[in-house]
């Protein structure tokens, strides 16, 4: 629980420390802000332990989604590139 150890002081989660850690996810700030807005319901700008866990889980899902999307893009690019080469070779015959 590194995030909680570094992000808590006197039992209160320090927003600025958690924010710095969330930026390391490499997700766009707009996405992080959207996730924060979805999860931060108890006290605006101050996370509860449960809200922190929810944010971390949602960031993890978002990161996996981005990787999956990139994988599909590369896959379809490879398929289209391959089809284009096959078509070009057929045309030259």
PDB file of N, CA and C in Angstrom:
ATOM      1  N   UNK A   1       0.822  -1.190   0.000  1.00  0.00           N
ATOM      2  CA  UNK A   1       0.000   0.000   0.000  1.00  0.00           C
ATOM      3  C   UNK A   1       0.868   1.256   0.000  1.00  0.00           C
ATOM      4  N   UNK A   2       1.770   1.339  -0.946  1.00  0.00           N
ATOM      5  CA  UNK A   2       2.687   2.470  -1.020  1.00  0.00           C
ATOM      6  C   UNK A   2       1.955   3.793  -1.145  1.00  0.00           C
ATOM      7  N   UNK A   3       0.910   3.840  -1.950  1.00  0.00           N
ATOM      8  CA  UNK A   3       0.174   5.086  -2.149  1.00  0.00           C
ATOM      9  C   UNK A   3      -0.395   5.584  -0.830  1.00  0.00           C
ATOM     10  N   UNK A   4      -0.958   4.691  -0.049  1.00  0.00           N
ATOM     11  CA  UNK A   4      -1.559   5.096   1.221  1.00  0.00           C
ATOM     12  C   UNK A   4      -0.469   5.514   2.211  1.00  0.00           C
ATOM     13  N   UNK A   5       0.652   4.794   2.254  1.00  0.00           N
ATOM     14  CA  UNK A   5       1.724   5.155   3.179  1.00  0.00           C
ATOM     15  C   UNK A   5       2.245   6.560   2.885  1.00  0.00           C
ATOM     16  N   UNK A   6       2.453   6.882   1.617  1.00  0.00           N
ATOM     17  CA  UNK A   6       3.003   8.183   1.267  1.00  0.00           C
ATOM     18  C   UNK A   6       1.935   9.263   1.167  1.00  0.00           C
ATOM     19  N   UNK A   7       0.697   8.873   1.041  1.00  0.00           N
ATOM     20  CA  UNK A   7      -0.366   9.843   0.844  1.00  0.00           C
ATOM     21  C   UNK A   7      -1.183  10.166   2.075  1.00  0.00           C
ATOM     22  N   UNK A   8      -0.807   9.624   3.239  1.00  0.00           N
ATOM     23  CA  UNK A   8      -1.585   9.863   4.457  1.00  0.00           C
ATOM     24  C   UNK A   8      -0.748  10.585   5.496  1.00  0.00           C
ATOM     25  N   UNK A   9      -1.410  11.478   6.183  1.00  0.00           N
ATOM     26  CA  UNK A   9      -0.776  12.152   7.308  1.00  0.00           C
ATOM     27  C   UNK A   9      -1.854  12.350   8.365  1.00  0.00           C
ATOM     28  N   UNK A  10      -1.625  11.830   9.521  1.00  0.00           N
ATOM     29  CA  UNK A  10      -2.604  11.911  10.611  1.00  0.00           C
ATOM     30  C   UNK A  10      -3.948  11.308  10.211  1.00  0.00           C
ATOM     31  N   UNK A  11      -3.909  10.210   9.449  1.00  0.00           N
ATOM     32  CA  UNK A  11      -5.133   9.531   9.047  1.00  0.00           C
ATOM     33  C   UNK A  11      -5.876  10.182   7.900  1.00  0.00           C
ATOM     34  N   UNK A  12      -5.360  11.305   7.386  1.00  0.00           N
ATOM     35  CA  UNK A  12      -6.012  12.010   6.281  1.00  0.00           C
ATOM     36  C   UNK A  12      -5.179  11.798   5.021  1.00  0.00           C
ATOM     37  N   UNK A  13      -5.841  11.464   3.927  1.00  0.00           N
ATOM     38  CA  UNK A  13      -5.144  11.268   2.662  1.00  0.00           C
ATOM     39  C   UNK A  13      -4.799  12.628   2.081  1.00  0.00           C
ATOM     40  N   UNK A  14      -3.523  12.855   1.800  1.00  0.00           N
ATOM     41  CA  UNK A  14      -3.060  14.125   1.266  1.00  0.00           C
ATOM     42  C   UNK A  14      -3.283  14.171  -0.241  1.00  0.00           C
ATOM     43  N   UNK A  15      -4.162  15.049  -0.668  1.00  0.00           N
ATOM     44  CA  UNK A  15      -4.547  15.145  -2.064  1.00  0.00           C
ATOM     45  C   UNK A  15      -3.355  15.425  -2.971  1.00  0.00           C
ATOM     46  N   UNK A  16      -2.484  16.342  -2.576  1.00  0.00           N
ATOM     47  CA  UNK A  16      -1.370  16.715  -3.452  1.00  0.00           C
ATOM     48  C   UNK A  16      -0.388  15.568  -3.665  1.00  0.00           C
ATOM     49  N   UNK A  17      -0.213  14.724  -2.658  1.00  0.00           N
ATOM     50  CA  UNK A  17       0.681  13.570  -2.792  1.00  0.00           C
ATOM     51  C   UNK A  17       0.036  12.525  -3.693  1.00  0.00           C
ATOM     52  N   UNK A  18      -1.233  12.253  -3.472  1.00  0.00           N
ATOM     53  CA  UNK A  18      -1.944  11.274  -4.298  1.00  0.00           C
ATOM     54  C   UNK A  18      -2.009  11.761  -5.747  1.00  0.00           C
ATOM     55  N   UNK A  19      -2.261  13.048  -5.943  1.00  0.00           N
ATOM     56  CA  UNK A  19      -2.333  13.614  -7.292  1.00  0.00           C
ATOM     57  C   UNK A  19      -1.018  13.391  -8.039  1.00  0.00           C
ATOM     58  N   UNK A  20       0.099  13.625  -7.367  1.00  0.00           N
ATOM     59  CA  UNK A  20       1.411  13.424  -7.994  1.00  0.00           C
ATOM     60  C   UNK A  20       1.608  11.959  -8.380  1.00  0.00           C
ATOM     61  N   UNK A  21       1.131  11.070  -7.533  1.00  0.00           N
ATOM     62  CA  UNK A  21       1.245   9.635  -7.838  1.00  0.00           C
ATOM     63  C   UNK A  21       0.343   9.274  -9.018  1.00  0.00           C
ATOM     64  N   UNK A  22      -0.868   9.836  -9.066  1.00  0.00           N
ATOM     65  CA  UNK A  22      -1.791   9.534 -10.166  1.00  0.00           C
ATOM     66  C   UNK A  22      -1.239  10.016 -11.499  1.00  0.00           C
ATOM     67  N   UNK A  23      -0.523  11.115 -11.509  1.00  0.00           N
ATOM     68  CA  UNK A  23       0.064  11.621 -12.752  1.00  0.00           C
ATOM     69  C   UNK A  23       1.064  10.634 -13.349  1.00  0.00           C
ATOM     70  N   UNK A  24       1.642   9.799 -12.508  1.00  0.00           N
ATOM     71  CA  UNK A  24       2.591   8.793 -12.990  1.00  0.00           C
ATOM     72  C   UNK A  24       1.917   7.698 -13.803  1.00  0.00           C
ATOM     73  N   UNK A  25       0.584   7.664 -13.802  1.00  0.00           N
ATOM     74  CA  UNK A  25      -0.145   6.667 -14.593  1.00  0.00           C
ATOM     75  C   UNK A  25      -0.002   6.933 -16.082  1.00  0.00           C
ATOM     76  N   UNK A  26       0.422   8.148 -16.450  1.00  0.00           N
ATOM     77  CA  UNK A  26       0.591   8.577 -17.850  1.00  0.00           C
ATOM     78  C   UNK A  26      -0.741   8.727 -18.583  1.00  0.00           C
ATOM     79  N   UNK A  27      -1.840   8.685 -17.851  1.00  0.00           N
ATOM     80  CA  UNK A  27      -3.138   8.959 -18.477  1.00  0.00           C
ATOM     81  C   UNK A  27      -3.287  10.468 -18.625  1.00  0.00           C
ATOM     82  N   UNK A  28      -4.040  10.921 -19.638  1.00  0.00           N
ATOM     83  CA  UNK A  28      -4.255  12.362 -19.789  1.00  0.00           C
ATOM     84  C   UNK A  28      -4.923  12.954 -18.546  1.00  0.00           C
ATOM     85  N   UNK A  29      -4.587  14.196 -18.250  1.00  0.00           N
ATOM     86  CA  UNK A  29      -5.150  14.862 -17.064  1.00  0.00           C
ATOM     87  C   UNK A  29      -6.672  14.924 -17.126  1.00  0.00           C
ATOM     88  N   UNK A  30      -7.224  15.032 -18.331  1.00  0.00           N
ATOM     89  CA  UNK A  30      -8.682  15.069 -18.467  1.00  0.00           C
ATOM     90  C   UNK A  30      -9.297  13.761 -17.989  1.00  0.00           C
ATOM     91  N   UNK A  31      -8.645  12.649 -18.326  1.00  0.00           N
ATOM     92  CA  UNK A  31      -9.136  11.334 -17.894  1.00  0.00           C
ATOM     93  C   UNK A  31      -9.019  11.209 -16.383  1.00  0.00           C
ATOM     94  N   UNK A  32      -7.881  11.628 -15.833  1.00  0.00           N
ATOM     95  CA  UNK A  32      -7.701  11.568 -14.381  1.00  0.00           C
ATOM     96  C   UNK A  32      -8.732  12.435 -13.661  1.00  0.00           C
ATOM     97  N   UNK A  33      -9.004  13.615 -14.213  1.00  0.00           N
ATOM     98  CA  UNK A  33     -10.007  14.494 -13.616  1.00  0.00           C
ATOM     99  C   UNK A  33     -11.399  13.886 -13.662  1.00  0.00           C
ATOM    100  N   UNK A  34     -11.709  13.229 -14.777  1.00  0.00           N
ATOM    101  CA  UNK A  34     -13.019  12.580 -14.914  1.00  0.00           C
ATOM    102  C   UNK A  34     -13.160  11.453 -13.891  1.00  0.00           C
ATOM    103  N   UNK A  35     -12.109  10.631 -13.778  1.00  0.00           N
ATOM    104  CA  UNK A  35     -12.141   9.533 -12.802  1.00  0.00           C
ATOM    105  C   UNK A  35     -12.260  10.090 -11.386  1.00  0.00           C
ATOM    106  N   UNK A  36     -11.497  11.141 -11.098  1.00  0.00           N
ATOM    107  CA  UNK A  36     -11.560  11.762  -9.765  1.00  0.00           C
ATOM    108  C   UNK A  36     -12.985  12.224  -9.483  1.00  0.00           C
ATOM    109  N   UNK A  37     -13.604  12.888 -10.460  1.00  0.00           N
ATOM    110  CA  UNK A  37     -14.967  13.384 -10.291  1.00  0.00           C
ATOM    111  C   UNK A  37     -15.981  12.279 -10.056  1.00  0.00           C
ATOM    112  N   UNK A  38     -15.766  11.138 -10.708  1.00  0.00           N
ATOM    113  CA  UNK A  38     -16.675  10.004 -10.499  1.00  0.00           C
ATOM    114  C   UNK A  38     -16.559   9.422  -9.096  1.00  0.00           C
ATOM    115  N   UNK A  39     -15.336   9.430  -8.564  1.00  0.00           N
ATOM    116  CA  UNK A  39     -15.072   8.733  -7.297  1.00  0.00           C
ATOM    117  C   UNK A  39     -15.150   9.618  -6.058  1.00  0.00           C
ATOM    118  N   UNK A  40     -14.815  10.884  -6.180  1.00  0.00           N
ATOM    119  CA  UNK A  40     -14.720  11.775  -5.018  1.00  0.00           C
ATOM    120  C   UNK A  40     -16.104  12.338  -4.676  1.00  0.00           C
ATOM    121  N   UNK A  41     -16.824  11.655  -3.816  1.00  0.00           N
ATOM    122  CA  UNK A  41     -18.206  12.031  -3.494  1.00  0.00           C
ATOM    123  C   UNK A  41     -18.404  12.500  -2.061  1.00  0.00           C
ATOM    124  N   UNK A  42     -17.574  12.053  -1.130  1.00  0.00           N
ATOM    125  CA  UNK A  42     -17.788  12.363   0.283  1.00  0.00           C
ATOM    126  C   UNK A  42     -17.482  13.819   0.603  1.00  0.00           C
ATOM    127  N   UNK A  43     -16.222  14.225   0.400  1.00  0.00           N
ATOM    128  CA  UNK A  43     -15.783  15.601   0.650  1.00  0.00           C
ATOM    129  C   UNK A  43     -15.045  16.077  -0.590  1.00  0.00           C
ATOM    130  N   UNK A  44     -15.558  17.082  -1.281  1.00  0.00           N
ATOM    131  CA  UNK A  44     -14.896  17.546  -2.508  1.00  0.00           C
ATOM    132  C   UNK A  44     -13.423  17.876  -2.288  1.00  0.00           C
ATOM    133  N   UNK A  45     -12.574  17.292  -3.136  1.00  0.00           N
ATOM    134  CA  UNK A  45     -11.137  17.532  -3.052  1.00  0.00           C
ATOM    135  C   UNK A  45     -10.404  16.704  -2.018  1.00  0.00           C
ATOM    136  N   UNK A  46     -11.133  15.915  -1.241  1.00  0.00           N
ATOM    137  CA  UNK A  46     -10.519  15.080  -0.196  1.00  0.00           C
ATOM    138  C   UNK A  46     -11.023  13.648  -0.352  1.00  0.00           C
ATOM    139  N   UNK A  47     -10.116  12.724  -0.544  1.00  0.00           N
ATOM    140  CA  UNK A  47     -10.498  11.330  -0.770  1.00  0.00           C
ATOM    141  C   UNK A  47     -10.599  10.555   0.538  1.00  0.00           C
ATOM    142  N   UNK A  48     -11.581   9.681   0.589  1.00  0.00           N
ATOM    143  CA  UNK A  48     -11.618   8.681   1.651  1.00  0.00           C
ATOM    144  C   UNK A  48     -10.767   7.504   1.184  1.00  0.00           C
ATOM    145  N   UNK A  49     -10.514   6.598   2.072  1.00  0.00           N
ATOM    146  CA  UNK A  49      -9.721   5.406   1.721  1.00  0.00           C
ATOM    147  C   UNK A  49     -10.422   4.617   0.604  1.00  0.00           C
ATOM    148  N   UNK A  50     -11.737   4.444   0.716  1.00  0.00           N
ATOM    149  CA  UNK A  50     -12.491   3.701  -0.296  1.00  0.00           C
ATOM    150  C   UNK A  50     -12.451   4.417  -1.640  1.00  0.00           C
ATOM    151  N   UNK A  51     -12.560   5.734  -1.617  1.00  0.00           N
ATOM    152  CA  UNK A  51     -12.516   6.503  -2.868  1.00  0.00           C
ATOM    153  C   UNK A  51     -11.135   6.383  -3.524  1.00  0.00           C
ATOM    154  N   UNK A  52     -10.098   6.382  -2.710  1.00  0.00           N
ATOM    155  CA  UNK A  52      -8.744   6.202  -3.241  1.00  0.00           C
ATOM    156  C   UNK A  52      -8.613   4.846  -3.919  1.00  0.00           C
ATOM    157  N   UNK A  53      -9.097   3.792  -3.267  1.00  0.00           N
ATOM    158  CA  UNK A  53      -9.028   2.461  -3.860  1.00  0.00           C
ATOM    159  C   UNK A  53      -9.817   2.409  -5.164  1.00  0.00           C
ATOM    160  N   UNK A  54     -10.972   3.053  -5.194  1.00  0.00           N
ATOM    161  CA  UNK A  54     -11.789   3.078  -6.401  1.00  0.00           C
ATOM    162  C   UNK A  54     -11.065   3.809  -7.532  1.00  0.00           C
ATOM    163  N   UNK A  55     -10.434   4.945  -7.212  1.00  0.00           N
ATOM    164  CA  UNK A  55      -9.684   5.689  -8.229  1.00  0.00           C
ATOM    165  C   UNK A  55      -8.542   4.843  -8.776  1.00  0.00           C
ATOM    166  N   UNK A  56      -7.806   4.178  -7.897  1.00  0.00           N
ATOM    167  CA  UNK A  56      -6.689   3.349  -8.350  1.00  0.00           C
ATOM    168  C   UNK A  56      -7.172   2.207  -9.241  1.00  0.00           C
ATOM    169  N   UNK A  57      -8.292   1.608  -8.899  1.00  0.00           N
ATOM    170  CA  UNK A  57      -8.849   0.533  -9.714  1.00  0.00           C
ATOM    171  C   UNK A  57      -9.285   1.059 -11.085  1.00  0.00           C
ATOM    172  N   UNK A  58      -9.936   2.210 -11.105  1.00  0.00           N
ATOM    173  CA  UNK A  58     -10.407   2.769 -12.371  1.00  0.00           C
ATOM    174  C   UNK A  58      -9.235   3.195 -13.259  1.00  0.00           C
ATOM    175  N   UNK A  59      -8.172   3.706 -12.665  1.00  0.00           N
ATOM    176  CA  UNK A  59      -6.982   4.065 -13.441  1.00  0.00           C
ATOM    177  C   UNK A  59      -6.359   2.807 -14.035  1.00  0.00           C
ATOM    178  N   UNK A  60      -6.320   1.764 -13.259  1.00  0.00           N
ATOM    179  CA  UNK A  60      -5.796   0.496 -13.765  1.00  0.00           C
ATOM    180  C   UNK A  60      -6.609  -0.003 -14.957  1.00  0.00           C
ATOM    181  N   UNK A  61      -7.924   0.070 -14.851  1.00  0.00           N
ATOM    182  CA  UNK A  61      -8.801  -0.345 -15.962  1.00  0.00           C
ATOM    183  C   UNK A  61      -8.581   0.550 -17.175  1.00  0.00           C
ATOM    184  N   UNK A  62      -8.442   1.853 -16.949  1.00  0.00           N
ATOM    185  CA  UNK A  62      -8.223   2.784 -18.057  1.00  0.00           C
ATOM    186  C   UNK A  62      -6.897   2.496 -18.751  1.00  0.00           C
ATOM    187  N   UNK A  63      -5.864   2.178 -17.992  1.00  0.00           N
ATOM    188  CA  UNK A  63      -4.574   1.866 -18.589  1.00  0.00           C
ATOM    189  C   UNK A  63      -4.658   0.605 -19.442  1.00  0.00           C
ATOM    190  N   UNK A  64      -5.330  -0.413 -18.951  1.00  0.00           N
ATOM    191  CA  UNK A  64      -5.490  -1.649 -19.712  1.00  0.00           C
ATOM    192  C   UNK A  64      -6.305  -1.379 -20.973  1.00  0.00           C
ATOM    193  N   UNK A  65      -7.341  -0.561 -20.855  1.00  0.00           N
ATOM    194  CA  UNK A  65      -8.178  -0.230 -22.014  1.00  0.00           C
ATOM    195  C   UNK A  65      -7.359   0.471 -23.089  1.00  0.00           C
ATOM    196  N   UNK A  66      -6.493   1.393 -22.682  1.00  0.00           N
ATOM    197  CA  UNK A  66      -5.645   2.101 -23.647  1.00  0.00           C
ATOM    198  C   UNK A  66      -4.715   1.112 -24.332  1.00  0.00           C
ATOM    199  N   UNK A  67      -4.118   0.201 -23.567  1.00  0.00           N
ATOM    200  CA  UNK A  67      -3.223  -0.787 -24.165  1.00  0.00           C
ATOM    201  C   UNK A  67      -3.962  -1.698 -25.125  1.00  0.00           C
ATOM    202  N   UNK A  68      -5.165  -2.116 -24.751  1.00  0.00           N
ATOM    203  CA  UNK A  68      -5.959  -2.965 -25.651  1.00  0.00           C
ATOM    204  C   UNK A  68      -6.311  -2.225 -26.930  1.00  0.00           C
ATOM    205  N   UNK A  69      -6.697  -0.967 -26.794  1.00  0.00           N
ATOM    206  CA  UNK A  69      -7.057  -0.180 -27.959  1.00  0.00           C
ATOM    207  C   UNK A  69      -5.857  -0.029 -28.894  1.00  0.00           C
ATOM    208  N   UNK A  70      -4.683   0.250 -28.331  1.00  0.00           N
ATOM    209  CA  UNK A  70      -3.481   0.368 -29.151  1.00  0.00           C
ATOM    210  C   UNK A  70      -3.143  -0.960 -29.826  1.00  0.00           C
ATOM    211  N   UNK A  71      -3.308  -2.064 -29.107  1.00  0.00           N
ATOM    212  CA  UNK A  71      -3.043  -3.383 -29.684  1.00  0.00           C
ATOM    213  C   UNK A  71      -3.958  -3.655 -30.870  1.00  0.00           C
ATOM    214  N   UNK A  72      -5.246  -3.332 -30.723  1.00  0.00           N
ATOM    215  CA  UNK A  72      -6.183  -3.531 -31.827  1.00  0.00           C
ATOM    216  C   UNK A  72      -5.826  -2.644 -33.014  1.00  0.00           C
ATOM    217  N   UNK A  73      -5.423  -1.397 -32.736  1.00  0.00           N
ATOM    218  CA  UNK A  73      -5.035  -0.496 -33.825  1.00  0.00           C
ATOM    219  C   UNK A  73      -3.849  -1.059 -34.590  1.00  0.00           C
ATOM    220  N   UNK A  74      -2.837  -1.525 -33.866  1.00  0.00           N
ATOM    221  CA  UNK A  74      -1.666  -2.105 -34.529  1.00  0.00           C
ATOM    222  C   UNK A  74      -2.035  -3.364 -35.298  1.00  0.00           C
ATOM    223  N   UNK A  75      -2.913  -4.179 -34.729  1.00  0.00           N
ATOM    224  CA  UNK A  75      -3.343  -5.397 -35.402  1.00  0.00           C
ATOM    225  C   UNK A  75      -4.053  -5.065 -36.712  1.00  0.00           C
ATOM    226  N   UNK A  76      -5.015  -4.151 -36.666  1.00  0.00           N
ATOM    227  CA  UNK A  76      -5.751  -3.804 -37.887  1.00  0.00           C
ATOM    228  C   UNK A  76      -4.858  -3.111 -38.905  1.00  0.00           C
ATOM    229  N   UNK A  77      -3.917  -2.306 -38.434  1.00  0.00           N
ATOM    230  CA  UNK A  77      -2.962  -1.685 -39.351  1.00  0.00           C
ATOM    231  C   UNK A  77      -2.157  -2.766 -40.059  1.00  0.00           C
ATOM    232  N   UNK A  78      -1.697  -3.783 -39.307  1.00  0.00           N
ATOM    233  CA  UNK A  78      -0.914  -4.869 -39.905  1.00  0.00           C
ATOM    234  C   UNK A  78      -1.749  -5.644 -40.914  1.00  0.00           C
ATOM    235  N   UNK A  79      -2.999  -5.897 -40.594  1.00  0.00           N
ATOM    236  CA  UNK A  79      -3.876  -6.624 -41.521  1.00  0.00           C
ATOM    237  C   UNK A  79      -4.083  -5.816 -42.795  1.00  0.00           C
ATOM    238  N   UNK A  80      -4.374  -4.551 -42.648  1.00  0.00           N
ATOM    239  CA  UNK A  80      -4.605  -3.700 -43.831  1.00  0.00           C
ATOM    240  C   UNK A  80      -3.327  -3.592 -44.655  1.00  0.00           C
ATOM    241  N   UNK A  81      -2.190  -3.412 -43.999  1.00  0.00           N
ATOM    242  CA  UNK A  81      -0.915  -3.321 -44.696  1.00  0.00           C
ATOM    243  C   UNK A  81      -0.645  -4.605 -45.464  1.00  0.00           C
ATOM    244  N   UNK A  82      -0.909  -5.733 -44.827  1.00  0.00           N
ATOM    245  CA  UNK A  82      -0.691  -7.041 -45.472  1.00  0.00           C
ATOM    246  C   UNK A  82      -1.628  -7.203 -46.665  1.00  0.00           C
ATOM    247  N   UNK A  83      -2.892  -6.843 -46.507  1.00  0.00           N
ATOM    248  CA  UNK A  83      -3.863  -6.960 -47.606  1.00  0.00           C
ATOM    249  C   UNK A  83      -3.449  -6.061 -48.765  1.00  0.00           C
ATOM    250  N   UNK A  84      -2.940  -4.884 -48.449  1.00  0.00           N
ATOM    251  CA  UNK A  84      -2.504  -3.964 -49.484  1.00  0.00           C
ATOM    252  C   UNK A  84      -1.328  -4.541 -50.272  1.00  0.00           C
ATOM    253  N   UNK A  85      -0.401  -5.192 -49.584  1.00  0.00           N
ATOM    254  CA  UNK A  85       0.723  -5.824 -50.255  1.00  0.00           C
ATOM    255  C   UNK A  85       0.276  -6.978 -51.133  1.00  0.00           C
ATOM    256  N   UNK A  86      -0.646  -7.783 -50.642  1.00  0.00           N
ATOM    257  CA  UNK A  86      -1.170  -8.913 -51.420  1.00  0.00           C
ATOM    258  C   UNK A  86      -1.854  -8.393 -52.665  1.00  0.00           C
ATOM    259  N   UNK A  87      -2.689  -7.354 -52.517  1.00  0.00           N
ATOM    260  CA  UNK A  87      -3.405  -6.776 -53.658  1.00  0.00           C
ATOM    261  C   UNK A  87      -2.408  -6.210 -54.662  1.00  0.00           C
ATOM    262  N   UNK A  88      -1.360  -5.557 -54.175  1.00  0.00           N
ATOM    263  CA  UNK A  88      -0.355  -4.962 -55.051  1.00  0.00           C
ATOM    264  C   UNK A  88       0.375  -6.058 -55.815  1.00  0.00           C
ATOM    265  N   UNK A  89       0.707  -7.150 -55.160  1.00  0.00           N
ATOM    266  CA  UNK A  89       1.389  -8.263 -55.829  1.00  0.00           C
ATOM    267  C   UNK A  89       0.496  -8.937 -56.856  1.00  0.00           C
ATOM    268  N   UNK A  90      -0.791  -9.029 -56.561  1.00  0.00           N
ATOM    269  CA  UNK A  90      -1.744  -9.628 -57.522  1.00  0.00           C
ATOM    270  C   UNK A  90      -1.865  -8.739 -58.753  1.00  0.00           C
ATOM    271  N   UNK A  91      -1.832  -7.451 -58.554  1.00  0.00           N
ATOM    272  CA  UNK A  91      -1.967  -6.508 -59.634  1.00  0.00           C
ATOM    273  C   UNK A  91      -0.753  -6.554 -60.575  1.00  0.00           C
ATOM    274  N   UNK A  92       0.399  -6.859 -60.026  1.00  0.00           N
ATOM    275  CA  UNK A  92       1.634  -6.923 -60.809  1.00  0.00           C
ATOM    276  C   UNK A  92       1.790  -8.221 -61.568  1.00  0.00           C
ATOM    277  N   UNK A  93       0.969  -9.198 -61.313  1.00  0.00           N
ATOM    278  CA  UNK A  93       1.082 -10.496 -61.989  1.00  0.00           C
ATOM    279  C   UNK A  93       0.515 -10.456 -63.382  1.00  0.00           C
TER     280      UNK A  93
END
